[in-house]
Every structure is written in structure tokens, then in C-alpha cells.
Amino acid sequence: MLHRTKVLAQLAACIILLAAPPVIADDESGGWGGAFSFTPGVGLRHLGLDVIEQSTGLTGNLSNDVWDSAFAAMSIESPEYQFGKSNFGFTIYAYAATVNLDHQWVADGGAGATGSREDVGTSVSGYYSYFVPALHYRWSNGGGSETKFALGIGSWVASFSGDIILTPDDTPVPTDPKTLLDVRVRKLAYLFLMQHKFNNHWQTYMSVGGPAWKEDGFEYSLEEVSIVIGYTFSL
């Protein structure tokens, strides 16, 4: 489910990147440039938490409906380091957002890719954040706007608690027993980001990423796909 969304996002990025004109970076000498930027914003997000009980193989997925997922976030971006005259460079991203998941994936007739998200009386709430150094490719557009793609690996921190129904075939119902969750984790994970900065301090970005880990007899995977628009303040 999330895997297909991630693949589509990465495919779209590759298509746009290949179609982009080979514009030389603004600062031909390379090196550090720009300033620290802070971007409060709002957006839509698909956030999913997969849980597998290692001893039994029982599984469950808590997530949210994309069209009912408006959220607020804060993104921090370091000054950019450009590699000489190329469009490639280096940026550090920091980000924080809340977790509030109250729908479980219910498969149609058993384990599979088709189904729907249903309210079966389970929920998880908390927060997550990341600090990710990333390689980027950017180019300037007419009028002072800029487009950038970034891919990196860094530290993700998550803290959440709640409950989930685990079943052998992803078919939870409200009367099934619930498994309590109380997770505090810090793990390395990837971040893929597509970003467009307008010349009036507004920007929009799409991010894909998240960690996977094992803890107390369970396997977890947290994946985010979000689209955000925000206003950037620079220092």
C-alpha cells in the first residue's frame, strides 16, 4: 500500500529530474550559501504504522485517510553546500510532526493489497521527528524560484502509545482483543524530498520516508508520505 505510493513518488521525481534543463548553480565557486530557514506549514499526509508480532506472525496496520489528514508541521533547513559549478550539493533537514492514527487496514477477504481503512476502536497518538543530512540536486527557475530534490539517511525519533488489533490475515473487527503499544525509538532511516521554493518565501514539498525496527518481540515500520505548503523565514 505505502510501498506503491513511495515508488510512484520516486518515479515522478526521476521523470522531472530527467526533464529538467542542465542549469548551472547560481554560485559558480560552490561552497556554503544561503541561511538557516524555518518553514511552518500545513498539508495532507498518509502516515502508516505496520506491526508484526514475531512469535505468532500476527499483523496489523494503523493509518489515516489522506483526504481527512490535514496536519501542521515545522521544517528546518540548513544553509546549502554546493559542489563547485554543479547543481549537486548538501543540505541538512530537521522536521517534527504529531502522530494521530485511528483507522486500521482491513483486507478484502484476507491478506492482500485491496481493502479499506476502518474504525475498529483502535488508535495510536504521539509524535515523530527527524534530522537528516541529504544530497540534493537543485536548479533555478525563471523569476527567482527554485526546485530541489534531496535524498538522505539520518536519525528518526518516534514516541507513541495506544493499541492495535493483530490478526493473521489483516481482518480486524471491533470485538477482537487489542494489543497495547508504548514505543520510544531512535533509528536511522531514509528521507526522499521534492521541494519547490517560490520567489515570495512560500514553498511546497513532498516527503517520503520512515524507520523500521524491532522491539520487545514486535517488528515495526513507520512510513510517511506528505505534501506540505508553508511560509519560509530565514536567519
Protein backbone atom coordinates (compact mmCIF):
# COMPACT_ATOMS: atom_id res chain seq x y z
CA MET A 1 0.00 0.00 0.00
CA LEU A 2 2.59 2.59 1.14
CA HIS A 3 5.24 0.87 -0.98
CA ARG A 4 3.30 1.62 -4.17
CA THR A 5 2.88 5.27 -3.16
CA LYS A 6 6.60 5.52 -2.48
CA VAL A 7 7.50 4.00 -5.84
CA LEU A 8 5.16 6.40 -7.67
CA ALA A 9 6.66 9.39 -5.85
CA GLN A 10 10.20 8.32 -6.71
CA LEU A 11 9.24 7.65 -10.34
CA ALA A 12 7.70 11.11 -10.62
CA ALA A 13 10.88 12.63 -9.19
CA CYS A 14 13.05 10.78 -11.71
CA ILE A 15 10.89 11.92 -14.64
CA ILE A 16 11.01 15.57 -13.56
CA LEU A 17 14.74 15.35 -12.89
CA LEU A 18 15.49 13.91 -16.32
CA ALA A 19 13.34 16.59 -17.97
CA ALA A 20 14.98 19.43 -16.07
CA PRO A 21 17.32 21.75 -18.00
CA PRO A 22 21.02 21.49 -17.08
CA VAL A 23 21.21 24.90 -15.40
CA ILE A 24 24.49 25.72 -13.67
CA ALA A 25 24.28 26.51 -9.96
CA ASP A 26 23.96 30.22 -9.16
CA ASP A 27 27.26 30.32 -7.24
CA GLU A 28 29.87 29.00 -9.67
CA SER A 29 32.51 28.78 -6.96
CA GLY A 30 30.45 26.35 -4.89
CA GLY A 31 30.71 26.18 -1.10
CA TRP A 32 28.22 27.19 1.57
CA GLY A 33 25.43 29.60 0.70
CA GLY A 34 22.06 30.81 1.91
CA ALA A 35 20.83 30.81 5.52
CA PHE A 36 19.03 28.67 8.05
CA SER A 37 15.34 28.59 7.18
CA PHE A 38 12.26 27.75 9.26
CA THR A 39 9.06 26.75 7.47
CA PRO A 40 5.83 26.31 9.45
CA GLY A 41 3.23 24.76 7.21
CA VAL A 42 0.08 22.73 6.75
CA GLY A 43 -0.55 19.80 4.47
CA LEU A 44 -2.01 16.39 3.78
CA ARG A 45 -0.29 13.19 4.81
CA HIS A 46 -0.52 9.41 4.64
CA LEU A 47 1.10 8.01 7.77
CA GLY A 48 1.11 4.26 8.34
CA LEU A 49 2.33 2.05 11.19
CA ASP A 50 2.85 -1.67 10.47
CA VAL A 51 3.15 -4.01 13.45
CA ILE A 52 4.10 -7.72 13.36
CA GLU A 53 4.21 -9.96 16.43
CA GLN A 54 7.38 -12.02 15.92
CA SER A 55 6.26 -15.10 17.87
CA THR A 56 2.93 -15.55 16.06
CA GLY A 57 3.24 -13.65 12.78
CA LEU A 58 0.05 -11.70 13.56
CA THR A 59 -0.05 -8.33 11.80
CA GLY A 60 -1.86 -5.01 11.86
CA ASN A 61 -1.65 -1.63 10.14
CA LEU A 62 -2.81 1.65 11.64
CA SER A 63 -3.07 4.58 9.26
CA ASN A 64 -5.12 7.61 8.31
CA ASP A 65 -7.27 8.65 5.38
CA VAL A 66 -5.26 11.02 3.15
CA TRP A 67 -8.28 13.27 2.47
CA ASP A 68 -9.00 13.61 6.19
CA SER A 69 -5.41 14.13 7.31
CA ALA A 70 -4.74 17.89 7.46
CA PHE A 71 -1.85 18.49 9.85
CA ALA A 72 0.60 21.18 10.97
CA ALA A 73 4.36 20.72 10.78
CA MET A 74 7.61 22.59 11.27
CA SER A 75 10.56 22.10 8.91
CA ILE A 76 14.08 23.45 9.43
CA GLU A 77 16.65 23.57 6.62
CA SER A 78 20.36 24.33 6.89
CA PRO A 79 22.34 26.55 4.51
CA GLU A 80 23.22 24.70 1.28
CA TYR A 81 26.66 23.46 0.31
CA GLN A 82 27.13 23.34 -3.48
CA PHE A 83 29.76 21.14 -5.15
CA GLY A 84 31.60 23.58 -7.39
CA LYS A 85 29.77 24.53 -10.59
CA SER A 86 27.41 21.56 -10.48
CA ASN A 87 23.78 21.57 -9.38
CA PHE A 88 24.56 18.95 -6.75
CA GLY A 89 25.02 19.83 -3.11
CA PHE A 90 24.35 19.03 0.52
CA THR A 91 21.57 20.11 2.91
CA ILE A 92 20.51 19.14 6.44
CA TYR A 93 16.76 18.81 7.14
CA ALA A 94 15.04 18.77 10.54
CA TYR A 95 11.30 18.19 10.95
CA ALA A 96 8.68 17.43 13.60
CA ALA A 97 5.01 16.41 13.46
CA THR A 98 2.36 14.68 15.54
CA VAL A 99 1.03 11.13 15.20
CA ASN A 100 -2.73 10.51 15.48
CA LEU A 101 -3.82 7.26 13.81
CA ASP A 102 -7.31 5.85 14.40
CA HIS A 103 -8.10 3.61 11.41
CA GLN A 104 -6.88 0.07 10.75
CA TRP A 105 -6.36 -1.55 7.39
CA VAL A 106 -8.99 -4.23 6.74
CA ALA A 107 -8.20 -6.52 3.81
CA ASP A 108 -10.92 -7.78 1.47
CA GLY A 109 -11.29 -11.49 2.14
CA GLY A 110 -7.86 -11.97 3.68
CA ALA A 111 -4.29 -10.76 3.36
CA GLY A 112 -3.76 -8.79 0.18
CA ALA A 113 -3.33 -5.39 -1.39
CA THR A 114 -7.04 -4.50 -1.59
CA GLY A 115 -9.19 -3.37 1.29
CA SER A 116 -10.20 -0.27 3.22
CA ARG A 117 -9.35 1.69 6.35
CA GLU A 118 -11.93 1.16 9.08
CA ASP A 119 -12.52 2.45 12.60
CA VAL A 120 -12.34 -0.71 14.74
CA GLY A 121 -11.81 1.07 18.04
CA THR A 122 -8.00 1.23 17.97
CA SER A 123 -5.74 4.28 17.91
CA VAL A 124 -2.16 5.48 18.38
CA SER A 125 -1.02 9.01 19.23
CA GLY A 126 2.33 10.70 19.83
CA TYR A 127 4.97 12.45 17.72
CA TYR A 128 7.93 11.82 15.41
CA SER A 129 10.82 13.92 14.16
CA TYR A 130 13.92 13.54 12.00
CA PHE A 131 17.36 15.09 11.50
CA VAL A 132 18.67 14.06 8.07
CA PRO A 133 21.78 15.12 6.11
CA ALA A 134 20.92 14.77 2.42
CA LEU A 135 22.49 15.09 -1.01
CA HIS A 136 20.45 17.36 -3.27
CA TYR A 137 20.09 18.38 -6.90
CA ARG A 138 18.67 21.84 -7.49
CA TRP A 139 18.10 24.26 -10.31
CA SER A 140 16.89 27.84 -10.54
CA ASN A 141 13.73 28.70 -12.44
CA GLY A 142 12.70 31.98 -14.00
CA GLY A 143 11.69 34.76 -11.63
CA GLY A 144 13.81 33.61 -8.70
CA SER A 145 12.06 30.36 -7.83
CA GLU A 146 13.96 27.11 -7.24
CA THR A 147 13.30 23.36 -7.45
CA LYS A 148 15.24 20.82 -5.43
CA PHE A 149 15.34 17.03 -4.92
CA ALA A 150 17.08 15.53 -1.89
CA LEU A 151 17.86 12.01 -0.66
CA GLY A 152 19.50 11.22 2.66
CA ILE A 153 19.76 8.99 5.71
CA GLY A 154 19.55 10.29 9.25
CA SER A 155 18.08 10.00 12.73
CA TRP A 156 14.33 9.49 13.16
CA VAL A 157 12.83 9.73 16.65
CA ALA A 158 9.32 8.44 17.42
CA SER A 159 7.28 8.29 20.61
CA PHE A 160 3.71 6.99 20.60
CA SER A 161 1.28 4.85 22.52
CA GLY A 162 -2.12 3.28 22.05
CA ASP A 163 -3.48 -0.06 20.88
CA ILE A 164 -3.89 -2.18 17.76
CA ILE A 165 -5.67 -5.40 16.75
CA LEU A 166 -3.32 -8.06 15.34
CA THR A 167 -4.73 -10.82 13.10
CA PRO A 168 -3.26 -13.48 10.76
CA ASP A 169 -4.93 -12.01 7.66
CA ASP A 170 -5.45 -8.25 8.27
CA THR A 171 -9.16 -8.64 9.03
CA PRO A 172 -9.64 -6.94 12.44
CA VAL A 173 -13.11 -6.42 13.90
CA PRO A 174 -14.04 -4.33 16.97
CA THR A 175 -14.63 -7.41 19.14
CA ASP A 176 -11.07 -8.78 18.63
CA PRO A 177 -8.60 -8.46 21.55
CA LYS A 178 -6.31 -5.42 21.42
CA THR A 179 -2.54 -5.28 21.85
CA LEU A 180 -1.19 -2.31 23.80
CA LEU A 181 1.64 -0.27 22.24
CA ASP A 182 4.07 2.02 24.06
CA VAL A 183 7.07 2.85 21.87
CA ARG A 184 10.10 5.14 22.24
CA VAL A 185 12.62 4.69 19.43
CA ARG A 186 15.55 6.39 17.68
CA LYS A 187 16.64 4.80 14.38
CA LEU A 188 18.44 5.61 11.14
CA ALA A 189 16.09 5.84 8.17
CA TYR A 190 15.88 7.39 4.71
CA LEU A 191 14.24 10.62 3.55
CA PHE A 192 13.31 11.49 -0.04
CA LEU A 193 12.16 15.06 -0.65
CA MET A 194 10.83 17.02 -3.63
CA GLN A 195 10.80 20.76 -2.95
CA HIS A 196 9.77 23.92 -4.84
CA LYS A 197 10.57 27.35 -3.44
CA PHE A 198 8.70 30.34 -4.85
CA ASN A 199 10.25 33.80 -5.02
CA ASN A 200 7.86 35.18 -2.35
CA HIS A 201 9.08 32.95 0.56
CA TRP A 202 6.36 30.34 0.07
CA GLN A 203 7.34 26.76 -0.68
CA THR A 204 5.72 23.39 -1.19
CA TYR A 205 7.33 20.00 -0.69
CA MET A 206 6.56 16.30 -0.80
CA SER A 207 8.44 13.95 1.52
CA VAL A 208 8.64 10.15 1.75
CA GLY A 209 10.46 8.27 4.50
CA GLY A 210 10.39 6.46 7.81
CA PRO A 211 12.16 3.93 10.04
CA ALA A 212 11.74 0.18 10.63
CA TRP A 213 12.83 -1.52 13.88
CA LYS A 214 12.34 -4.43 16.29
CA GLU A 215 11.42 -4.03 19.94
CA ASP A 216 10.01 -6.27 22.72
CA GLY A 217 9.01 -9.10 20.38
CA PHE A 218 7.44 -6.88 17.71
CA GLU A 219 8.55 -5.57 14.32
CA TYR A 220 7.53 -2.00 13.49
CA SER A 221 7.58 0.10 10.33
CA LEU A 222 6.56 3.76 10.26
CA GLU A 223 6.21 5.36 6.81
CA GLU A 224 5.20 8.89 5.89
CA VAL A 225 4.09 10.36 2.56
CA SER A 226 3.20 14.05 2.96
CA ILE A 227 2.56 17.15 0.86
CA VAL A 228 3.04 20.46 2.68
CA ILE A 229 2.80 24.15 1.82
CA GLY A 230 4.43 26.67 4.13
CA TYR A 231 5.97 30.11 4.50
CA THR A 232 9.76 30.27 4.99
CA PHE A 233 11.55 32.54 7.46
CA SER A 234 15.32 32.86 7.05
CA LEU A 235 18.03 33.78 9.57
